Amino acid sequence: MTRNIDALLRAAEHQLTGLVEGPRADAEILAQHTLGISRTMLRAFPERTTTTTAAGLFESAIARRAQGEPVAYILGEREFWSMRLKVTPATLIPRPETETLVEAALDIVPPNAEWRVADLGTGSGAIALAIARERPGCQITATDACSAALAVACENSTALEIGNVDFRLGHWTEPLHTEKFDLIVSNPPYIAADDDHLSRGDLLFEPKAALTPGQDGLTAIDQIVEGARQSLKENGWLALEHGWDQSAPVRALLNGYGFRGVVSIADLAGIARVTVGQFGGNITSD
């Protein structure tokens, strides 16, 4: 038996209306994935039919979306920096604003540099792989305390055939040992534990440890800034993504730990999303 695709889409849109922001768009994305049909074909030939089996897969995906599950987890992938990355509930879903952190890193690292770069809390590997692809002469070390997330990052590296990334299990700078780096980047958890955004939308399904460090949204950032002093070369750089309202306290943290030239960088929405600074002077332990 066959099922009419247009009827399936209309039913899915109706089912998702009031539950997600873009019910038709989500229905079309999930249809492309489960039915194996391009968006152009969906719109140009709405009268097309599909098999009952394929229709069942589509309806199951729509049911998951109606429960709030992120589209990226249903698809098992997300595009970031023109790379198709595998994502699972063990990893954060890469977001467009995080490309601001990649751009900041690429502005710091010269095109033909052979720098050592560390990405702390790499998750799916999005940031590390983007930098590695754009700066093939650099060696990237990507760390994560979650072995399941690190396994996903390794899979993405293999699938994209990006070989200049070394993945290590551990908390922030611990896996870096006594090695020194020219640049450290991180998109750490920075949402306060009592922020009600954690109980809404995609965040409800994403790993809490990758979203919030606890009551104080700056705890992880403080740990990274302090640890980075031991892992950066003289005049090495640190670049951090943070919350929309955290640029001032993050700049204060970097300044307090001896970084200089500290500035915050806005994303495409004009929100100060990334703060960078250069470490100078003698590195000392507290």
C-alpha atoms as a PDB file:
ATOM      1  CA  MET A   1       0.000   0.000   0.000  1.00  0.00           C
ATOM      2  CA  THR A   2       1.006   3.598  -0.541  1.00  0.00           C
ATOM      3  CA  ARG A   3       0.304   6.825   1.359  1.00  0.00           C
ATOM      4  CA  ASN A   4      -0.146  10.336  -0.017  1.00  0.00           C
ATOM      5  CA  ILE A   5       2.795  12.519   1.047  1.00  0.00           C
ATOM      6  CA  ASP A   6       0.855  15.783   1.029  1.00  0.00           C
ATOM      7  CA  ALA A   7      -1.764  14.308   3.351  1.00  0.00           C
ATOM      8  CA  LEU A   8       0.992  13.064   5.654  1.00  0.00           C
ATOM      9  CA  LEU A   9       2.572  16.515   5.781  1.00  0.00           C
ATOM     10  CA  ARG A  10      -0.714  18.278   6.472  1.00  0.00           C
ATOM     11  CA  ALA A  11      -1.520  15.858   9.275  1.00  0.00           C
ATOM     12  CA  ALA A  12       1.959  16.287  10.754  1.00  0.00           C
ATOM     13  CA  GLU A  13       1.746  20.082  10.605  1.00  0.00           C
ATOM     14  CA  HIS A  14      -1.595  19.946  12.401  1.00  0.00           C
ATOM     15  CA  GLN A  15      -0.146  17.617  15.046  1.00  0.00           C
ATOM     16  CA  LEU A  16       2.828  19.905  15.705  1.00  0.00           C
ATOM     17  CA  THR A  17       0.958  23.236  15.642  1.00  0.00           C
ATOM     18  CA  GLY A  18       1.130  24.893  19.042  1.00  0.00           C
ATOM     19  CA  LEU A  19       3.898  22.539  20.167  1.00  0.00           C
ATOM     20  CA  VAL A  20       6.881  23.772  18.114  1.00  0.00           C
ATOM     21  CA  GLU A  21       7.823  27.100  16.574  1.00  0.00           C
ATOM     22  CA  GLY A  22       7.868  25.959  12.934  1.00  0.00           C
ATOM     23  CA  PRO A  23       5.498  23.005  12.527  1.00  0.00           C
ATOM     24  CA  ARG A  24       5.553  22.914   8.723  1.00  0.00           C
ATOM     25  CA  ALA A  25       9.319  23.370   8.502  1.00  0.00           C
ATOM     26  CA  ASP A  26       9.921  20.602  11.055  1.00  0.00           C
ATOM     27  CA  ALA A  27       7.505  18.298   9.225  1.00  0.00           C
ATOM     28  CA  GLU A  28       9.305  18.871   5.923  1.00  0.00           C
ATOM     29  CA  ILE A  29      12.750  18.276   7.433  1.00  0.00           C
ATOM     30  CA  LEU A  30      11.620  15.018   9.021  1.00  0.00           C
ATOM     31  CA  ALA A  31       9.890  13.979   5.790  1.00  0.00           C
ATOM     32  CA  GLN A  32      13.092  14.501   3.820  1.00  0.00           C
ATOM     33  CA  HIS A  33      14.953  12.307   6.286  1.00  0.00           C
ATOM     34  CA  THR A  34      12.447   9.484   6.683  1.00  0.00           C
ATOM     35  CA  LEU A  35      10.970   9.419   3.164  1.00  0.00           C
ATOM     36  CA  GLY A  36      14.208  10.095   1.292  1.00  0.00           C
ATOM     37  CA  ILE A  37      12.726  12.978  -0.697  1.00  0.00           C
ATOM     38  CA  SER A  38      14.283  16.404  -1.262  1.00  0.00           C
ATOM     39  CA  ARG A  39      12.564  19.577  -0.135  1.00  0.00           C
ATOM     40  CA  THR A  40      12.159  20.605  -3.784  1.00  0.00           C
ATOM     41  CA  MET A  41      10.403  17.357  -4.630  1.00  0.00           C
ATOM     42  CA  LEU A  42       8.151  17.670  -1.594  1.00  0.00           C
ATOM     43  CA  ARG A  43       6.932  21.057  -2.736  1.00  0.00           C
ATOM     44  CA  ALA A  44       6.889  20.491  -6.481  1.00  0.00           C
ATOM     45  CA  PHE A  45       5.054  17.174  -6.404  1.00  0.00           C
ATOM     46  CA  PRO A  46       2.756  17.140  -3.370  1.00  0.00           C
ATOM     47  CA  GLU A  47       0.634  14.390  -4.931  1.00  0.00           C
ATOM     48  CA  ARG A  48       3.452  11.842  -4.694  1.00  0.00           C
ATOM     49  CA  THR A  49       2.961   8.733  -2.615  1.00  0.00           C
ATOM     50  CA  THR A  50       5.221   6.707  -0.352  1.00  0.00           C
ATOM     51  CA  THR A  51       5.138   3.235   1.123  1.00  0.00           C
ATOM     52  CA  THR A  52       3.292   2.401   4.308  1.00  0.00           C
ATOM     53  CA  THR A  53       6.610   1.475   5.924  1.00  0.00           C
ATOM     54  CA  ALA A  54       8.181   4.853   5.105  1.00  0.00           C
ATOM     55  CA  ALA A  55       5.043   6.659   6.208  1.00  0.00           C
ATOM     56  CA  GLY A  56       5.242   4.835   9.534  1.00  0.00           C
ATOM     57  CA  LEU A  57       8.826   6.006  10.035  1.00  0.00           C
ATOM     58  CA  PHE A  58       7.728   9.574   9.312  1.00  0.00           C
ATOM     59  CA  GLU A  59       4.809   9.406  11.721  1.00  0.00           C
ATOM     60  CA  SER A  60       7.051   7.986  14.442  1.00  0.00           C
ATOM     61  CA  ALA A  61       9.478  10.883  13.937  1.00  0.00           C
ATOM     62  CA  ILE A  62       6.623  13.380  14.137  1.00  0.00           C
ATOM     63  CA  ALA A  63       5.404  11.773  17.367  1.00  0.00           C
ATOM     64  CA  ARG A  64       8.866  12.205  18.868  1.00  0.00           C
ATOM     65  CA  ARG A  65       8.956  15.839  17.794  1.00  0.00           C
ATOM     66  CA  ALA A  66       5.494  16.396  19.279  1.00  0.00           C
ATOM     67  CA  GLN A  67       6.949  15.271  22.614  1.00  0.00           C
ATOM     68  CA  GLY A  68       9.543  18.029  22.322  1.00  0.00           C
ATOM     69  CA  GLU A  69      12.535  15.942  21.235  1.00  0.00           C
ATOM     70  CA  PRO A  70      14.913  18.134  19.192  1.00  0.00           C
ATOM     71  CA  VAL A  71      14.939  17.615  15.438  1.00  0.00           C
ATOM     72  CA  ALA A  72      18.721  17.152  15.559  1.00  0.00           C
ATOM     73  CA  TYR A  73      18.405  14.164  17.890  1.00  0.00           C
ATOM     74  CA  ILE A  74      15.662  12.615  15.768  1.00  0.00           C
ATOM     75  CA  LEU A  75      17.813  13.012  12.655  1.00  0.00           C
ATOM     76  CA  GLY A  76      20.980  12.086  14.521  1.00  0.00           C
ATOM     77  CA  GLU A  77      22.872  14.943  12.907  1.00  0.00           C
ATOM     78  CA  ARG A  78      23.309  18.705  12.754  1.00  0.00           C
ATOM     79  CA  GLU A  79      25.134  20.974  10.314  1.00  0.00           C
ATOM     80  CA  PHE A  80      27.813  23.261  11.730  1.00  0.00           C
ATOM     81  CA  TRP A  81      30.413  25.262   9.808  1.00  0.00           C
ATOM     82  CA  SER A  82      29.287  23.475   6.608  1.00  0.00           C
ATOM     83  CA  MET A  83      30.042  20.114   8.243  1.00  0.00           C
ATOM     84  CA  ARG A  84      27.423  17.440   8.846  1.00  0.00           C
ATOM     85  CA  LEU A  85      28.014  16.239  12.393  1.00  0.00           C
ATOM     86  CA  LYS A  86      26.599  13.272  14.212  1.00  0.00           C
ATOM     87  CA  VAL A  87      24.857  14.278  17.452  1.00  0.00           C
ATOM     88  CA  THR A  88      23.326  12.175  20.210  1.00  0.00           C
ATOM     89  CA  PRO A  89      21.730  12.938  23.588  1.00  0.00           C
ATOM     90  CA  ALA A  90      25.284  12.657  24.993  1.00  0.00           C
ATOM     91  CA  THR A  91      26.278  15.830  23.141  1.00  0.00           C
ATOM     92  CA  LEU A  92      25.034  19.368  22.919  1.00  0.00           C
ATOM     93  CA  ILE A  93      23.414  20.337  19.648  1.00  0.00           C
ATOM     94  CA  PRO A  94      25.833  22.728  17.864  1.00  0.00           C
ATOM     95  CA  ARG A  95      24.272  26.168  17.422  1.00  0.00           C
ATOM     96  CA  PRO A  96      24.890  28.958  14.912  1.00  0.00           C
ATOM     97  CA  GLU A  97      26.076  31.384  17.612  1.00  0.00           C
ATOM     98  CA  THR A  98      28.950  29.049  18.445  1.00  0.00           C
ATOM     99  CA  GLU A  99      30.349  29.745  14.983  1.00  0.00           C
ATOM    100  CA  THR A 100      31.289  33.132  16.492  1.00  0.00           C
ATOM    101  CA  LEU A 101      33.802  31.270  18.672  1.00  0.00           C
ATOM    102  CA  VAL A 102      35.245  29.502  15.622  1.00  0.00           C
ATOM    103  CA  GLU A 103      35.517  32.834  13.793  1.00  0.00           C
ATOM    104  CA  ALA A 104      37.290  34.386  16.783  1.00  0.00           C
ATOM    105  CA  ALA A 105      39.763  31.502  16.870  1.00  0.00           C
ATOM    106  CA  LEU A 106      40.465  31.785  13.141  1.00  0.00           C
ATOM    107  CA  ASP A 107      41.063  35.521  13.526  1.00  0.00           C
ATOM    108  CA  ILE A 108      43.720  34.706  16.140  1.00  0.00           C
ATOM    109  CA  VAL A 109      45.442  31.786  14.382  1.00  0.00           C
ATOM    110  CA  PRO A 110      47.385  32.798  11.235  1.00  0.00           C
ATOM    111  CA  PRO A 111      46.312  30.873   8.092  1.00  0.00           C
ATOM    112  CA  ASN A 112      49.571  28.939   7.722  1.00  0.00           C
ATOM    113  CA  ALA A 113      50.324  28.563  11.422  1.00  0.00           C
ATOM    114  CA  GLU A 114      51.479  25.321  13.013  1.00  0.00           C
ATOM    115  CA  TRP A 115      50.016  26.144  16.385  1.00  0.00           C
ATOM    116  CA  ARG A 116      48.864  23.833  19.134  1.00  0.00           C
ATOM    117  CA  VAL A 117      45.206  24.465  19.945  1.00  0.00           C
ATOM    118  CA  ALA A 118      43.056  22.907  22.687  1.00  0.00           C
ATOM    119  CA  ASP A 119      39.259  22.681  22.705  1.00  0.00           C
ATOM    120  CA  LEU A 120      37.919  22.004  26.200  1.00  0.00           C
ATOM    121  CA  GLY A 121      34.583  20.206  26.528  1.00  0.00           C
ATOM    122  CA  THR A 122      34.469  19.338  22.845  1.00  0.00           C
ATOM    123  CA  GLY A 123      31.124  17.488  22.827  1.00  0.00           C
ATOM    124  CA  SER A 124      30.391  16.485  19.226  1.00  0.00           C
ATOM    125  CA  GLY A 125      33.761  17.948  18.224  1.00  0.00           C
ATOM    126  CA  ALA A 126      32.169  20.830  16.323  1.00  0.00           C
ATOM    127  CA  ILE A 127      34.597  23.574  17.340  1.00  0.00           C
ATOM    128  CA  ALA A 128      37.750  21.457  17.226  1.00  0.00           C
ATOM    129  CA  LEU A 129      36.898  20.004  13.812  1.00  0.00           C
ATOM    130  CA  ALA A 130      35.994  23.395  12.331  1.00  0.00           C
ATOM    131  CA  ILE A 131      39.317  24.899  13.448  1.00  0.00           C
ATOM    132  CA  ALA A 132      41.238  21.801  12.355  1.00  0.00           C
ATOM    133  CA  ARG A 133      39.710  21.909   8.890  1.00  0.00           C
ATOM    134  CA  GLU A 134      40.408  25.626   8.420  1.00  0.00           C
ATOM    135  CA  ARG A 135      43.919  25.459   9.900  1.00  0.00           C
ATOM    136  CA  PRO A 136      45.324  22.116   8.679  1.00  0.00           C
ATOM    137  CA  GLY A 137      48.840  22.987   9.852  1.00  0.00           C
ATOM    138  CA  CYS A 138      47.672  23.139  13.468  1.00  0.00           C
ATOM    139  CA  GLN A 139      47.392  20.237  15.882  1.00  0.00           C
ATOM    140  CA  ILE A 140      44.157  20.307  17.864  1.00  0.00           C
ATOM    141  CA  THR A 141      43.698  18.566  21.208  1.00  0.00           C
ATOM    142  CA  ALA A 142      40.033  18.125  22.154  1.00  0.00           C
ATOM    143  CA  THR A 143      39.026  17.102  25.680  1.00  0.00           C
ATOM    144  CA  ASP A 144      35.756  16.000  27.238  1.00  0.00           C
ATOM    145  CA  ALA A 145      34.857  14.423  30.575  1.00  0.00           C
ATOM    146  CA  CYS A 146      32.066  12.375  28.960  1.00  0.00           C
ATOM    147  CA  SER A 147      33.302   9.244  27.191  1.00  0.00           C
ATOM    148  CA  ALA A 148      30.075   8.912  25.190  1.00  0.00           C
ATOM    149  CA  ALA A 149      30.439  12.451  23.841  1.00  0.00           C
ATOM    150  CA  LEU A 150      34.102  11.869  23.035  1.00  0.00           C
ATOM    151  CA  ALA A 151      33.165   8.750  21.061  1.00  0.00           C
ATOM    152  CA  VAL A 152      30.775  10.841  18.943  1.00  0.00           C
ATOM    153  CA  ALA A 153      33.504  13.435  18.326  1.00  0.00           C
ATOM    154  CA  CYS A 154      35.887  10.692  17.200  1.00  0.00           C
ATOM    155  CA  GLU A 155      33.242   9.346  14.803  1.00  0.00           C
ATOM    156  CA  ASN A 156      32.773  12.813  13.335  1.00  0.00           C
ATOM    157  CA  SER A 157      36.511  13.244  12.869  1.00  0.00           C
ATOM    158  CA  THR A 158      36.720   9.929  11.019  1.00  0.00           C
ATOM    159  CA  ALA A 159      33.664  10.607   8.858  1.00  0.00           C
ATOM    160  CA  LEU A 160      34.978  14.044   7.853  1.00  0.00           C
ATOM    161  CA  GLU A 161      38.503  12.700   7.332  1.00  0.00           C
ATOM    162  CA  ILE A 162      40.002  15.357   9.581  1.00  0.00           C
ATOM    163  CA  GLY A 163      43.180  13.879  10.999  1.00  0.00           C
ATOM    164  CA  ASN A 164      44.823  16.712  12.934  1.00  0.00           C
ATOM    165  CA  VAL A 165      42.699  16.321  16.083  1.00  0.00           C
ATOM    166  CA  ASP A 166      43.701  14.326  19.159  1.00  0.00           C
ATOM    167  CA  PHE A 167      40.803  13.405  21.460  1.00  0.00           C
ATOM    168  CA  ARG A 168      41.390  12.947  25.199  1.00  0.00           C
ATOM    169  CA  LEU A 169      39.111  11.972  28.050  1.00  0.00           C
ATOM    170  CA  GLY A 170      39.165  14.222  31.084  1.00  0.00           C
ATOM    171  CA  HIS A 171      37.956  17.371  32.805  1.00  0.00           C
ATOM    172  CA  TRP A 172      38.877  20.684  31.153  1.00  0.00           C
ATOM    173  CA  THR A 173      42.690  21.131  31.141  1.00  0.00           C
ATOM    174  CA  GLU A 174      43.529  17.963  33.110  1.00  0.00           C
ATOM    175  CA  PRO A 175      44.175  15.814  29.991  1.00  0.00           C
ATOM    176  CA  LEU A 176      46.606  18.463  28.701  1.00  0.00           C
ATOM    177  CA  HIS A 177      49.059  17.523  31.481  1.00  0.00           C
ATOM    178  CA  THR A 178      52.134  19.779  31.286  1.00  0.00           C
ATOM    179  CA  GLU A 179      51.837  20.507  27.567  1.00  0.00           C
ATOM    180  CA  LYS A 180      51.669  24.111  26.374  1.00  0.00           C
ATOM    181  CA  PHE A 181      49.274  25.543  23.805  1.00  0.00           C
ATOM    182  CA  ASP A 182      49.111  28.650  21.645  1.00  0.00           C
ATOM    183  CA  LEU A 183      45.331  28.877  21.910  1.00  0.00           C
ATOM    184  CA  ILE A 184      42.671  27.354  24.143  1.00  0.00           C
ATOM    185  CA  VAL A 185      38.990  27.578  23.195  1.00  0.00           C
ATOM    186  CA  SER A 186      35.899  26.390  25.006  1.00  0.00           C
ATOM    187  CA  ASN A 187      32.116  26.514  24.943  1.00  0.00           C
ATOM    188  CA  PRO A 188      31.584  25.417  28.552  1.00  0.00           C
ATOM    189  CA  PRO A 189      28.335  25.073  30.531  1.00  0.00           C
ATOM    190  CA  TYR A 190      27.323  28.565  31.593  1.00  0.00           C
ATOM    191  CA  ILE A 191      23.593  28.487  32.391  1.00  0.00           C
ATOM    192  CA  ALA A 192      22.717  28.894  36.071  1.00  0.00           C
ATOM    193  CA  ALA A 193      21.025  25.829  37.572  1.00  0.00           C
ATOM    194  CA  ASP A 194      17.865  27.775  38.449  1.00  0.00           C
ATOM    195  CA  ASP A 195      17.400  29.231  34.951  1.00  0.00           C
ATOM    196  CA  ASP A 196      13.964  28.150  33.722  1.00  0.00           C
ATOM    197  CA  HIS A 197      15.273  27.838  30.147  1.00  0.00           C
ATOM    198  CA  LEU A 198      16.704  24.470  31.217  1.00  0.00           C
ATOM    199  CA  SER A 199      13.179  23.069  31.453  1.00  0.00           C
ATOM    200  CA  ARG A 200      12.028  24.293  28.045  1.00  0.00           C
ATOM    201  CA  GLY A 201      12.591  23.448  24.391  1.00  0.00           C
ATOM    202  CA  ASP A 202      15.689  21.599  23.219  1.00  0.00           C
ATOM    203  CA  LEU A 203      17.527  22.256  26.486  1.00  0.00           C
ATOM    204  CA  LEU A 204      15.153  19.899  28.279  1.00  0.00           C
ATOM    205  CA  PHE A 205      16.626  17.006  26.254  1.00  0.00           C
ATOM    206  CA  GLU A 206      20.290  18.030  26.153  1.00  0.00           C
ATOM    207  CA  PRO A 207      22.874  16.784  28.701  1.00  0.00           C
ATOM    208  CA  LYS A 208      22.572  18.930  31.819  1.00  0.00           C
ATOM    209  CA  ALA A 209      26.282  18.663  32.623  1.00  0.00           C
ATOM    210  CA  ALA A 210      27.053  20.363  29.311  1.00  0.00           C
ATOM    211  CA  LEU A 211      24.550  23.157  29.964  1.00  0.00           C
ATOM    212  CA  THR A 212      24.954  24.163  33.593  1.00  0.00           C
ATOM    213  CA  PRO A 213      27.925  23.994  35.990  1.00  0.00           C
ATOM    214  CA  GLY A 214      25.628  24.370  38.977  1.00  0.00           C
ATOM    215  CA  GLN A 215      24.071  27.284  40.787  1.00  0.00           C
ATOM    216  CA  ASP A 216      26.606  29.823  39.530  1.00  0.00           C
ATOM    217  CA  GLY A 217      26.745  29.978  35.746  1.00  0.00           C
ATOM    218  CA  LEU A 218      30.357  31.167  35.877  1.00  0.00           C
ATOM    219  CA  THR A 219      31.812  28.218  37.827  1.00  0.00           C
ATOM    220  CA  ALA A 220      33.095  26.269  34.809  1.00  0.00           C
ATOM    221  CA  ILE A 221      34.398  29.401  33.119  1.00  0.00           C
ATOM    222  CA  ASP A 222      36.319  30.302  36.286  1.00  0.00           C
ATOM    223  CA  GLN A 223      37.859  26.808  36.388  1.00  0.00           C
ATOM    224  CA  ILE A 224      38.877  27.007  32.738  1.00  0.00           C
ATOM    225  CA  VAL A 225      40.419  30.462  33.023  1.00  0.00           C
ATOM    226  CA  GLU A 226      42.412  29.444  36.083  1.00  0.00           C
ATOM    227  CA  GLY A 227      43.563  26.175  34.495  1.00  0.00           C
ATOM    228  CA  ALA A 228      44.421  27.811  31.187  1.00  0.00           C
ATOM    229  CA  ARG A 229      47.238  29.771  32.833  1.00  0.00           C
ATOM    230  CA  GLN A 230      49.124  26.527  33.334  1.00  0.00           C
ATOM    231  CA  SER A 231      48.486  25.247  29.810  1.00  0.00           C
ATOM    232  CA  LEU A 232      49.101  28.323  27.668  1.00  0.00           C
ATOM    233  CA  LYS A 233      52.408  29.315  26.183  1.00  0.00           C
ATOM    234  CA  GLU A 234      53.715  32.776  26.961  1.00  0.00           C
ATOM    235  CA  ASN A 235      51.416  35.194  25.103  1.00  0.00           C
ATOM    236  CA  GLY A 236      48.976  32.358  24.351  1.00  0.00           C
ATOM    237  CA  TRP A 237      45.302  33.087  23.767  1.00  0.00           C
ATOM    238  CA  LEU A 238      42.088  32.028  25.473  1.00  0.00           C
ATOM    239  CA  ALA A 239      38.684  32.297  23.745  1.00  0.00           C
ATOM    240  CA  LEU A 240      35.439  31.470  25.570  1.00  0.00           C
ATOM    241  CA  GLU A 241      31.784  31.348  24.624  1.00  0.00           C
ATOM    242  CA  HIS A 242      29.435  32.532  27.379  1.00  0.00           C
ATOM    243  CA  GLY A 243      25.889  33.651  28.086  1.00  0.00           C
ATOM    244  CA  TRP A 244      24.261  36.741  26.619  1.00  0.00           C
ATOM    245  CA  ASP A 245      24.588  38.647  29.906  1.00  0.00           C
ATOM    246  CA  GLN A 246      28.002  37.366  31.049  1.00  0.00           C
ATOM    247  CA  SER A 247      30.486  39.347  28.975  1.00  0.00           C
ATOM    248  CA  ALA A 248      31.340  41.850  31.736  1.00  0.00           C
ATOM    249  CA  PRO A 249      31.970  39.265  34.495  1.00  0.00           C
ATOM    250  CA  VAL A 250      33.930  37.051  32.076  1.00  0.00           C
ATOM    251  CA  ARG A 251      36.141  39.998  31.083  1.00  0.00           C
ATOM    252  CA  ALA A 252      36.666  40.708  34.781  1.00  0.00           C
ATOM    253  CA  LEU A 253      37.682  37.079  35.351  1.00  0.00           C
ATOM    254  CA  LEU A 254      40.249  37.143  32.558  1.00  0.00           C
ATOM    255  CA  ASN A 255      41.664  40.454  33.705  1.00  0.00           C
ATOM    256  CA  GLY A 256      41.832  39.178  37.279  1.00  0.00           C
ATOM    257  CA  TYR A 257      43.817  36.112  36.189  1.00  0.00           C
ATOM    258  CA  GLY A 258      46.405  38.172  34.339  1.00  0.00           C
ATOM    259  CA  PHE A 259      45.101  38.169  30.788  1.00  0.00           C
ATOM    260  CA  ARG A 260      45.520  41.287  28.688  1.00  0.00           C
ATOM    261  CA  GLY A 261      43.822  42.790  25.649  1.00  0.00           C
ATOM    262  CA  VAL A 262      40.571  41.271  26.857  1.00  0.00           C
ATOM    263  CA  VAL A 263      37.639  41.988  24.541  1.00  0.00           C
ATOM    264  CA  SER A 264      34.173  40.574  23.920  1.00  0.00           C
ATOM    265  CA  ILE A 265      32.893  39.755  20.433  1.00  0.00           C
ATOM    266  CA  ALA A 266      29.263  39.947  19.303  1.00  0.00           C
ATOM    267  CA  ASP A 267      27.467  37.268  17.317  1.00  0.00           C
ATOM    268  CA  LEU A 268      25.305  37.993  14.265  1.00  0.00           C
ATOM    269  CA  ALA A 269      22.453  39.045  16.547  1.00  0.00           C
ATOM    270  CA  GLY A 270      24.666  41.711  18.119  1.00  0.00           C
ATOM    271  CA  ILE A 271      24.975  39.834  21.426  1.00  0.00           C
ATOM    272  CA  ALA A 272      28.396  39.727  23.105  1.00  0.00           C
ATOM    273  CA  ARG A 273      28.850  35.958  22.928  1.00  0.00           C
ATOM    274  CA  VAL A 274      32.633  35.355  23.005  1.00  0.00           C
ATOM    275  CA  THR A 275      35.417  36.852  25.114  1.00  0.00           C
ATOM    276  CA  VAL A 276      39.116  36.534  24.258  1.00  0.00           C
ATOM    277  CA  GLY A 277      42.314  37.496  25.992  1.00  0.00           C
ATOM    278  CA  GLN A 278      46.065  36.940  25.775  1.00  0.00           C
ATOM    279  CA  PHE A 279      48.095  35.614  28.654  1.00  0.00           C
ATOM    280  CA  GLY A 280      51.293  37.446  29.460  1.00  0.00           C
ATOM    281  CA  GLY A 281      53.766  37.530  32.316  1.00  0.00           C
ATOM    282  CA  ASN A 282      54.973  34.699  34.471  1.00  0.00           C
ATOM    283  CA  ILE A 283      52.549  31.837  35.142  1.00  0.00           C
ATOM    284  CA  THR A 284      52.176  31.221  38.827  1.00  0.00           C
ATOM    285  CA  SER A 285      50.081  28.863  40.939  1.00  0.00           C
ATOM    286  CA  ASP A 286      47.814  30.109  43.697  1.00  0.00           C
END
